[in-house]
């Protein structure tokens, strides 16, 4: 009887949770630690059955970005996770913490084993995304973009190939459920109503094209959201001691000064994509976001409130919930 009750309980949890979210994660890994936070969260969400990560694609054009991403995937037990890279993208300089891909233990062995030694050995992101989307059911894939707009803009412009007879825009319209992006600013930031957000200004033409032409719903997590739910530094120094070396606190130490509470920009876009109905965020009315030539984002609500673009809104109570969810999803040990 106990075994039967256990099976019923497991089934109930599975039914309540639903199918895992099919996810492609697009990141400028190495430019900030919030990208790494989001990737750690994804792996722990996959271990609990909430996510099916199809690939990680990278918009930072430096070889170590792919190598470090592979090291993190391997740390979480997924060494064969597909990785695609941008060619000719923004920010080709080294990242402050991607050098951990080459870190050694005292005995000379790799601190974070991995077999992808650099971006030159990885496929170009656009072709990889097309291949993965073509193989998925219609309206089933959630895209999370937390870097520049380059890869997904190129996806829009892509032409039919061996993977699909559809052009990029039609392929996206057929296969993608939602695009959740960390980009822009939609509320006042330090008394500035026209904050120029980093992910936008690094490739303004790509951002403008995507904002204008993307054929599925887009949810924007603005600069102000991640600032409000900053990651507590106490967690960095206290919560990862279950293993001698963990990439997140080591990257944090290389990137931020001691005591700094780092904004959780990228994890908020991920959290919404995976749990849109858990009450972590509210949404603006529907409308359209335009990107100006200087990189400023401008939201205009549609008259009927049903436009394809929305941005995240977060109350003080929600902020506390979001911060705690991000912390717990980051600090969870890798599944054995």
Foldseek 3Di string as FASTA:
>chain_A
DVVVVVVVVVVVVDVVLDAAAEEEEEEQPQADLLSVLQLLLQLLCVVVRNHDYQAYEHQAQEFLRVLLSLLQCVQLPRNPGAYAYADPHFHHDGHLQSCLSADADPVRHRPRDHDRRTNVPHHHLLVSVLQVLLPDQWLRHEYEHEAALPNLLVLQQAADDPRGNHRSQVSCNGRHNEYQYEAAACDQDPNDRFDQTDNCQRCVVSVQCCLPRRDAAYEYEYPVLQVLQFAFLVLLPPQAVVDPDDSSSVSCVSPDPRRDRHGNRRNVSVVCSSCVPPPLWDKDFAFGWGADPNRTIDTDADPVSPHRYIYTDHDPVSSVVSNVVSSVSNRDRRDD
